[in-house]
Amino acid sequence: MKIIGKQKSILMFLVIIISAMFFVLSYSYIAGNNKPHEPEITITTTPTNATMTWYTSMPLIHAERIANAFSTDTGIDVKIVRNSTFIIREHLMSDIENGESKADVLTIADVGTYIELKSKGHLMEYASPHYEYYSDEYKDQNYWGTVAAFGICMAYDDSRISDPPQQWTDLLDERWNGRIGLEDINTAGSQYGQYYILRERLGVQFWETLLSSQEPKIYYRTEELANALLDGEIDVAGEFSIHTVYSYRIKKGTSIHGIYPEEGIPMVLNPIAIMNGTKHPNEAKMFMDFLLSKDGQELVQRLSYKYSVHDDVLSLEGEPPFSKLNALNPENETDYRDKRSEYILEFNHFMGENK
């Protein structure tokens, strides 16, 4: 009986040991499958528990990925306030006027806003160490740098159209009457950028004829404009971005094709700056440096398909190389800012003559 008792004790001991081993293995498996995703970029910083607020016109899906990459490594939580360029601008200006601005960092597609904010003392002076990789037209050495730049081209559905317009002035051909799509200049920074730059190069008569006589259709979102092309509602998108062509043709496999006029490609800049009233200056500096770094630029370009103007970042394969574009930037950035209200009213006036 004693021998049997000892055997039972040994057996129970073995059962306990084996059960414990299975528990440890099971826990390790479960814990391993619940590890946080690796960050898309590794940032060499000291993690904090701070929070900052980012006002942006970037698509939310891209902004969230960028914020997550930054937050994962630094521990800094990024609150995103997102809308179209001029809606964010008006929101920010209203907040500043009422003394209620919560923005720490701003990225919208209108360089004129940054010039205005700087002139009124609303931007914090900060010279990012990454500025050395940006040429002068894409930065203000002490206040802002360019997170992304995008070129404005034309586009068409090459499954339906075989001989599209090749130059901006070809849009004035009567063949395209009622068959051109544009974006809403009242909300889209890209449409204002195209209007201003082509008005500089081609004259006001180009726009008056296009808007008053050609009866273009206005769309309030880029997706609506792209769908109008694919549905045959229009034949030509008279204002379309190169990165949107890349998205629809390369990534989505549609029949949308870009047209890159030799007259030049209007460029729209998406700068980044820190607001002077920020309550989180150190976190804002870290975020700005992150976005302007080579790794940050490669991430922004990979997500948004927009051009990086960082000297060491190559364009995406499948897009016209940035270095090969006849890029058109505003000749006078202050004038670009000052003419915004006047030119938006002018655009709407020309369109009104079409009604």
Protein backbone atom coordinates (compact mmCIF):
# COMPACT_ATOMS: atom_id res chain seq x y z
CA MET A 1 0.00 0.00 0.00
CA LYS A 2 2.87 2.37 0.71
CA ILE A 3 4.38 1.78 -2.71
CA ILE A 4 1.05 2.57 -4.40
CA GLY A 5 0.75 5.78 -2.37
CA LYS A 6 4.17 6.92 -3.48
CA GLN A 7 3.30 6.13 -7.08
CA LYS A 8 0.16 8.25 -6.77
CA SER A 9 2.12 11.14 -5.33
CA ILE A 10 4.68 10.98 -8.11
CA LEU A 11 1.92 10.76 -10.74
CA MET A 12 0.09 13.78 -9.31
CA PHE A 13 3.35 15.74 -9.21
CA LEU A 14 4.00 14.94 -12.87
CA VAL A 15 0.45 15.97 -13.82
CA ILE A 16 0.93 19.31 -12.07
CA ILE A 17 4.26 19.93 -13.80
CA ILE A 18 2.85 19.03 -17.25
CA SER A 19 -0.25 21.21 -16.68
CA ALA A 20 1.95 24.12 -15.69
CA MET A 21 4.04 23.67 -18.82
CA PHE A 22 0.92 23.69 -21.04
CA PHE A 23 -0.31 26.85 -19.27
CA VAL A 24 2.99 28.64 -19.87
CA LEU A 25 3.05 27.60 -23.52
CA SER A 26 -0.59 28.65 -24.02
CA TYR A 27 0.00 32.02 -22.38
CA SER A 28 3.08 32.63 -24.48
CA TYR A 29 1.13 31.88 -27.67
CA ILE A 30 -1.76 34.15 -26.73
CA ALA A 31 0.52 36.97 -25.62
CA GLY A 32 2.58 36.64 -28.78
CA ASN A 33 -0.51 36.98 -30.96
CA ASN A 34 -1.54 40.13 -29.08
CA LYS A 35 1.69 42.05 -29.41
CA PRO A 36 1.18 45.59 -30.76
CA HIS A 37 1.97 46.06 -34.44
CA GLU A 38 5.49 47.13 -35.18
CA PRO A 39 5.65 50.86 -36.01
CA GLU A 40 5.98 51.75 -39.69
CA ILE A 41 8.97 53.91 -38.79
CA THR A 42 11.29 53.79 -35.83
CA ILE A 43 11.97 57.19 -34.29
CA THR A 44 14.92 57.63 -31.96
CA THR A 45 13.35 59.62 -29.14
CA THR A 46 12.50 59.32 -25.49
CA PRO A 47 8.86 58.18 -25.15
CA THR A 48 6.49 60.49 -23.29
CA ASN A 49 2.84 60.39 -22.24
CA ALA A 50 1.96 63.75 -23.77
CA THR A 51 -0.78 64.68 -26.24
CA MET A 52 -0.80 67.08 -29.17
CA THR A 53 -3.41 68.23 -31.71
CA TRP A 54 -2.86 68.12 -35.46
CA TYR A 55 -5.04 70.17 -37.83
CA THR A 56 -4.77 68.67 -41.31
CA SER A 57 -6.41 68.35 -44.72
CA MET A 58 -4.77 64.98 -45.40
CA PRO A 59 -7.26 62.13 -45.93
CA LEU A 60 -8.13 60.76 -42.51
CA ILE A 61 -7.02 57.21 -43.34
CA HIS A 62 -3.52 58.52 -44.13
CA ALA A 63 -3.40 60.92 -41.19
CA GLU A 64 -4.28 58.11 -38.79
CA ARG A 65 -1.50 55.87 -40.14
CA ILE A 66 1.03 58.68 -39.83
CA ALA A 67 -0.11 59.55 -36.31
CA ASN A 68 0.03 55.89 -35.29
CA ALA A 69 3.58 55.49 -36.59
CA PHE A 70 4.62 58.53 -34.56
CA SER A 71 2.69 57.58 -31.43
CA THR A 72 3.80 53.96 -31.30
CA ASP A 73 7.42 54.86 -30.77
CA THR A 74 7.20 58.16 -28.90
CA GLY A 75 4.17 57.57 -26.67
CA ILE A 76 2.80 60.94 -27.81
CA ASP A 77 -0.92 60.73 -28.55
CA VAL A 78 -1.94 62.71 -31.65
CA LYS A 79 -5.48 64.09 -31.81
CA ILE A 80 -6.45 64.66 -35.45
CA VAL A 81 -8.79 67.45 -36.60
CA ARG A 82 -9.37 66.82 -40.32
CA ASN A 83 -11.35 68.48 -43.11
CA SER A 84 -10.75 70.02 -46.55
CA THR A 85 -8.11 72.75 -46.81
CA PHE A 86 -10.23 75.87 -46.66
CA ILE A 87 -12.66 74.48 -44.07
CA ILE A 88 -9.72 73.70 -41.77
CA ARG A 89 -8.33 77.16 -42.49
CA GLU A 90 -11.58 78.89 -41.56
CA HIS A 91 -11.94 76.73 -38.46
CA LEU A 92 -8.42 77.64 -37.36
CA MET A 93 -8.82 81.35 -38.07
CA SER A 94 -12.11 81.42 -36.16
CA ASP A 95 -10.50 79.67 -33.21
CA ILE A 96 -7.61 82.14 -33.18
CA GLU A 97 -9.96 85.12 -33.36
CA ASN A 98 -11.95 83.77 -30.42
CA GLY A 99 -8.86 82.87 -28.43
CA GLU A 100 -9.79 79.18 -28.51
CA SER A 101 -7.19 77.61 -30.80
CA LYS A 102 -6.17 74.10 -29.78
CA ALA A 103 -4.00 73.38 -32.83
CA ASP A 104 -0.36 72.51 -32.16
CA VAL A 105 0.64 71.57 -35.71
CA LEU A 106 -0.95 72.51 -39.05
CA THR A 107 -0.71 70.80 -42.46
CA ILE A 108 -3.07 72.04 -45.19
CA ALA A 109 -2.67 72.48 -48.95
CA ASP A 110 -2.44 76.26 -49.09
CA VAL A 111 0.93 77.97 -48.71
CA GLY A 112 -0.81 81.35 -48.58
CA THR A 113 -2.31 80.48 -45.20
CA TYR A 114 1.16 79.94 -43.75
CA ILE A 115 2.37 83.29 -45.08
CA GLU A 116 -0.65 84.98 -43.50
CA LEU A 117 -0.22 83.17 -40.18
CA LYS A 118 3.46 84.09 -40.08
CA SER A 119 2.76 87.76 -40.86
CA LYS A 120 0.27 87.90 -37.98
CA GLY A 121 2.64 86.23 -35.53
CA HIS A 122 0.69 82.97 -35.26
CA LEU A 123 3.53 80.60 -36.24
CA MET A 124 6.22 79.50 -33.83
CA GLU A 125 9.76 80.06 -35.02
CA TYR A 126 11.51 76.74 -35.42
CA ALA A 127 14.31 75.70 -37.78
CA SER A 128 14.05 71.94 -38.23
CA PRO A 129 17.41 70.22 -38.77
CA HIS A 130 15.82 68.54 -41.82
CA TYR A 131 15.41 71.85 -43.68
CA GLU A 132 18.85 71.35 -45.23
CA TYR A 133 17.31 68.70 -47.52
CA TYR A 134 14.72 71.10 -48.97
CA SER A 135 15.31 73.78 -51.61
CA ASP A 136 14.29 77.35 -50.83
CA GLU A 137 10.99 77.30 -52.75
CA TYR A 138 9.73 74.50 -50.50
CA LYS A 139 10.45 76.00 -47.09
CA ASP A 140 10.56 79.12 -44.97
CA GLN A 141 13.79 78.48 -43.09
CA ASN A 142 12.45 79.46 -39.67
CA TYR A 143 8.75 78.67 -39.89
CA TRP A 144 7.55 75.95 -42.27
CA GLY A 145 8.64 73.12 -44.55
CA THR A 146 6.79 71.10 -47.19
CA VAL A 147 5.39 67.76 -46.06
CA ALA A 148 4.07 66.89 -49.52
CA ALA A 149 3.60 68.48 -52.92
CA PHE A 150 1.21 67.46 -55.63
CA GLY A 151 0.99 68.36 -59.28
CA ILE A 152 -2.24 69.24 -61.05
CA CYS A 153 -2.78 67.51 -64.38
CA MET A 154 -5.80 66.51 -66.49
CA ALA A 155 -7.29 63.04 -66.70
CA TYR A 156 -9.60 60.94 -68.88
CA ASP A 157 -10.94 57.40 -69.19
CA ASP A 158 -8.86 55.78 -71.91
CA SER A 159 -11.41 53.00 -72.37
CA ARG A 160 -13.79 55.59 -73.84
CA ILE A 161 -11.63 58.44 -75.17
CA SER A 162 -8.73 57.89 -77.57
CA ASP A 163 -7.75 61.48 -78.42
CA PRO A 164 -8.00 63.61 -75.26
CA PRO A 165 -6.81 67.22 -74.94
CA GLN A 166 -3.03 67.51 -74.58
CA GLN A 167 -2.64 71.14 -73.46
CA TRP A 168 -4.58 73.28 -70.99
CA THR A 169 -5.77 75.51 -73.82
CA ASP A 170 -7.22 72.44 -75.60
CA LEU A 171 -9.96 72.49 -72.97
CA LEU A 172 -11.41 75.48 -74.81
CA ASP A 173 -12.23 73.37 -77.88
CA GLU A 174 -16.00 73.20 -78.37
CA ARG A 175 -15.74 69.40 -78.46
CA TRP A 176 -15.45 69.45 -74.67
CA ASN A 177 -18.43 71.73 -74.03
CA GLY A 178 -20.35 70.36 -71.07
CA ARG A 179 -17.92 67.43 -70.77
CA ILE A 180 -15.31 68.89 -68.37
CA GLY A 181 -15.19 68.38 -64.61
CA LEU A 182 -13.53 70.66 -62.03
CA GLU A 183 -13.45 70.76 -58.22
CA ASP A 184 -15.12 73.35 -56.02
CA ILE A 185 -12.73 76.29 -55.57
CA ASN A 186 -14.53 77.34 -52.38
CA THR A 187 -13.24 74.31 -50.47
CA ALA A 188 -10.43 72.72 -52.51
CA GLY A 189 -6.94 74.20 -52.13
CA SER A 190 -5.89 72.34 -55.27
CA GLN A 191 -8.50 74.09 -57.42
CA TYR A 192 -7.41 77.50 -56.15
CA GLY A 193 -3.76 76.58 -56.78
CA GLN A 194 -4.53 75.59 -60.37
CA TYR A 195 -6.68 78.67 -60.96
CA TYR A 196 -4.05 81.09 -59.64
CA ILE A 197 -1.06 79.55 -61.45
CA LEU A 198 -2.76 79.06 -64.82
CA ARG A 199 -4.23 82.56 -64.58
CA GLU A 200 -0.65 83.80 -64.16
CA ARG A 201 0.59 81.80 -67.16
CA LEU A 202 -2.38 81.80 -69.55
CA GLY A 203 -4.28 84.94 -68.55
CA VAL A 204 -7.71 85.58 -67.14
CA GLN A 205 -9.33 85.09 -70.56
CA PHE A 206 -8.48 81.38 -70.42
CA TRP A 207 -10.53 80.92 -67.27
CA GLU A 208 -13.35 83.22 -68.35
CA THR A 209 -13.84 81.23 -71.54
CA LEU A 210 -13.50 77.86 -69.84
CA LEU A 211 -15.91 78.64 -67.00
CA SER A 212 -18.41 80.85 -68.85
CA SER A 213 -18.61 79.11 -72.23
CA GLN A 214 -17.58 75.48 -71.75
CA GLU A 215 -20.17 74.72 -69.04
CA PRO A 216 -17.92 72.61 -66.79
CA LYS A 217 -19.44 70.53 -64.00
CA ILE A 218 -18.29 71.18 -60.43
CA TYR A 219 -17.60 68.35 -57.97
CA TYR A 220 -17.12 68.68 -54.23
CA ARG A 221 -14.88 65.69 -53.63
CA THR A 222 -12.08 64.14 -55.67
CA GLU A 223 -13.82 60.76 -55.54
CA GLU A 224 -16.92 62.30 -57.15
CA LEU A 225 -14.80 63.72 -59.96
CA ALA A 226 -13.08 60.36 -60.56
CA ASN A 227 -16.39 58.51 -60.56
CA ALA A 228 -17.83 61.01 -63.04
CA LEU A 229 -14.99 60.10 -65.42
CA LEU A 230 -15.53 56.36 -65.00
CA ASP A 231 -19.31 56.65 -65.32
CA GLY A 232 -19.08 58.69 -68.54
CA GLU A 233 -20.72 61.74 -66.95
CA ILE A 234 -17.75 63.80 -68.18
CA ASP A 235 -14.94 63.13 -70.66
CA VAL A 236 -12.13 65.15 -69.08
CA ALA A 237 -11.21 66.06 -65.54
CA GLY A 238 -9.79 69.53 -66.07
CA GLU A 239 -8.34 69.54 -62.56
CA PHE A 240 -6.95 66.25 -61.33
CA SER A 241 -3.92 65.50 -59.21
CA ILE A 242 -1.06 63.25 -60.28
CA HIS A 243 -1.29 61.25 -57.07
CA THR A 244 -4.99 60.59 -57.73
CA VAL A 245 -4.13 59.27 -61.20
CA TYR A 246 -1.60 56.96 -59.53
CA SER A 247 -4.19 55.80 -57.01
CA TYR A 248 -6.88 55.02 -59.58
CA ARG A 249 -4.69 53.61 -62.35
CA ILE A 250 -1.84 51.83 -60.54
CA LYS A 251 -3.44 50.86 -57.24
CA LYS A 252 -7.11 50.40 -58.19
CA GLY A 253 -6.54 49.24 -61.77
CA THR A 254 -9.09 51.54 -63.40
CA SER A 255 -8.87 53.03 -66.90
CA ILE A 256 -8.23 56.60 -65.69
CA HIS A 257 -5.19 58.04 -67.45
CA GLY A 258 -3.27 61.25 -66.73
CA ILE A 259 -2.46 64.09 -69.14
CA TYR A 260 0.63 66.18 -68.33
CA PRO A 261 0.58 69.40 -70.41
CA GLU A 262 3.91 70.75 -71.65
CA GLU A 263 2.63 74.21 -70.68
CA GLY A 264 3.46 73.16 -67.14
CA ILE A 265 2.13 71.39 -64.06
CA PRO A 266 0.75 73.67 -61.31
CA MET A 267 2.18 72.55 -57.98
CA VAL A 268 0.24 72.72 -54.72
CA LEU A 269 2.31 72.60 -51.54
CA ASN A 270 1.20 71.04 -48.27
CA PRO A 271 3.44 72.69 -45.65
CA ILE A 272 3.81 71.94 -41.95
CA ALA A 273 4.20 74.53 -39.21
CA ILE A 274 3.87 74.81 -35.45
CA MET A 275 1.31 77.22 -34.04
CA ASN A 276 2.69 79.96 -31.82
CA GLY A 277 0.08 79.28 -29.16
CA THR A 278 0.97 75.59 -28.81
CA LYS A 279 0.92 74.20 -25.30
CA HIS A 280 3.07 71.27 -26.43
CA PRO A 281 6.08 72.83 -28.19
CA ASN A 282 8.48 69.93 -27.65
CA GLU A 283 6.01 67.34 -28.90
CA ALA A 284 5.14 69.57 -31.88
CA LYS A 285 8.82 69.90 -32.80
CA MET A 286 9.25 66.13 -32.61
CA PHE A 287 6.23 65.62 -34.87
CA MET A 288 7.44 68.20 -37.38
CA ASP A 289 10.91 66.66 -37.47
CA PHE A 290 9.36 63.23 -37.93
CA LEU A 291 7.32 64.32 -40.96
CA LEU A 292 10.22 66.18 -42.59
CA SER A 293 12.75 63.38 -42.06
CA LYS A 294 13.65 61.01 -44.88
CA ASP A 295 11.81 58.13 -43.20
CA GLY A 296 8.78 60.32 -42.53
CA GLN A 297 8.74 61.55 -46.12
CA GLU A 298 8.93 58.02 -47.48
CA LEU A 299 5.97 57.07 -45.29
CA VAL A 300 3.89 60.10 -46.36
CA GLN A 301 4.67 59.40 -50.03
CA ARG A 302 3.90 55.69 -49.66
CA LEU A 303 0.53 56.44 -48.07
CA SER A 304 -0.63 59.49 -50.04
CA TYR A 305 1.20 59.00 -53.39
CA LYS A 306 2.06 62.71 -53.29
CA TYR A 307 5.54 63.91 -54.15
CA SER A 308 8.21 64.38 -51.53
CA VAL A 309 10.50 67.35 -52.19
CA HIS A 310 13.14 66.00 -49.81
CA ASP A 311 16.42 65.81 -51.75
CA ASP A 312 17.06 62.16 -50.87
CA VAL A 313 13.59 60.72 -51.54
CA LEU A 314 12.85 59.23 -54.98
CA SER A 315 9.44 59.50 -56.66
CA LEU A 316 7.17 56.45 -56.69
CA GLU A 317 7.59 54.08 -59.61
CA GLY A 318 4.63 54.61 -61.95
CA GLU A 319 4.42 58.37 -61.41
CA PRO A 320 6.16 60.93 -63.64
CA PRO A 321 9.44 61.65 -61.80
CA PHE A 322 9.24 64.92 -59.93
CA SER A 323 12.59 65.99 -61.40
CA LYS A 324 11.16 65.65 -64.94
CA LEU A 325 8.05 67.77 -64.40
CA ASN A 326 7.76 71.32 -65.69
CA ALA A 327 6.67 72.30 -62.20
CA LEU A 328 4.88 75.65 -61.88
CA ASN A 329 4.94 77.36 -58.48
CA PRO A 330 3.46 80.78 -57.67
CA GLU A 331 5.93 83.49 -58.65
CA ASN A 332 4.93 85.56 -55.62
CA GLU A 333 3.68 83.68 -52.58
CA THR A 334 2.39 86.82 -50.89
CA ASP A 335 0.31 87.63 -53.96
CA TYR A 336 -0.90 84.01 -53.95
CA ARG A 337 -2.19 84.61 -50.43
CA ASP A 338 -3.62 88.06 -51.07
CA LYS A 339 -5.55 87.15 -54.23
CA ARG A 340 -7.37 84.16 -52.74
CA SER A 341 -10.68 85.87 -51.93
CA GLU A 342 -10.65 87.90 -55.15
CA TYR A 343 -9.94 84.91 -57.38
CA ILE A 344 -12.46 82.66 -55.67
CA LEU A 345 -15.12 85.31 -56.28
CA GLU A 346 -13.92 85.67 -59.86
CA PHE A 347 -14.15 81.89 -60.45
CA ASN A 348 -17.69 81.84 -59.03
CA HIS A 349 -18.64 84.89 -61.11
CA PHE A 350 -17.47 83.24 -64.33
CA MET A 351 -19.36 80.10 -63.41
CA GLY A 352 -22.46 82.22 -62.66
CA GLU A 353 -22.46 83.53 -66.22
CA ASN A 354 -22.89 79.92 -67.30
CA LYS A 355 -26.15 79.48 -65.36
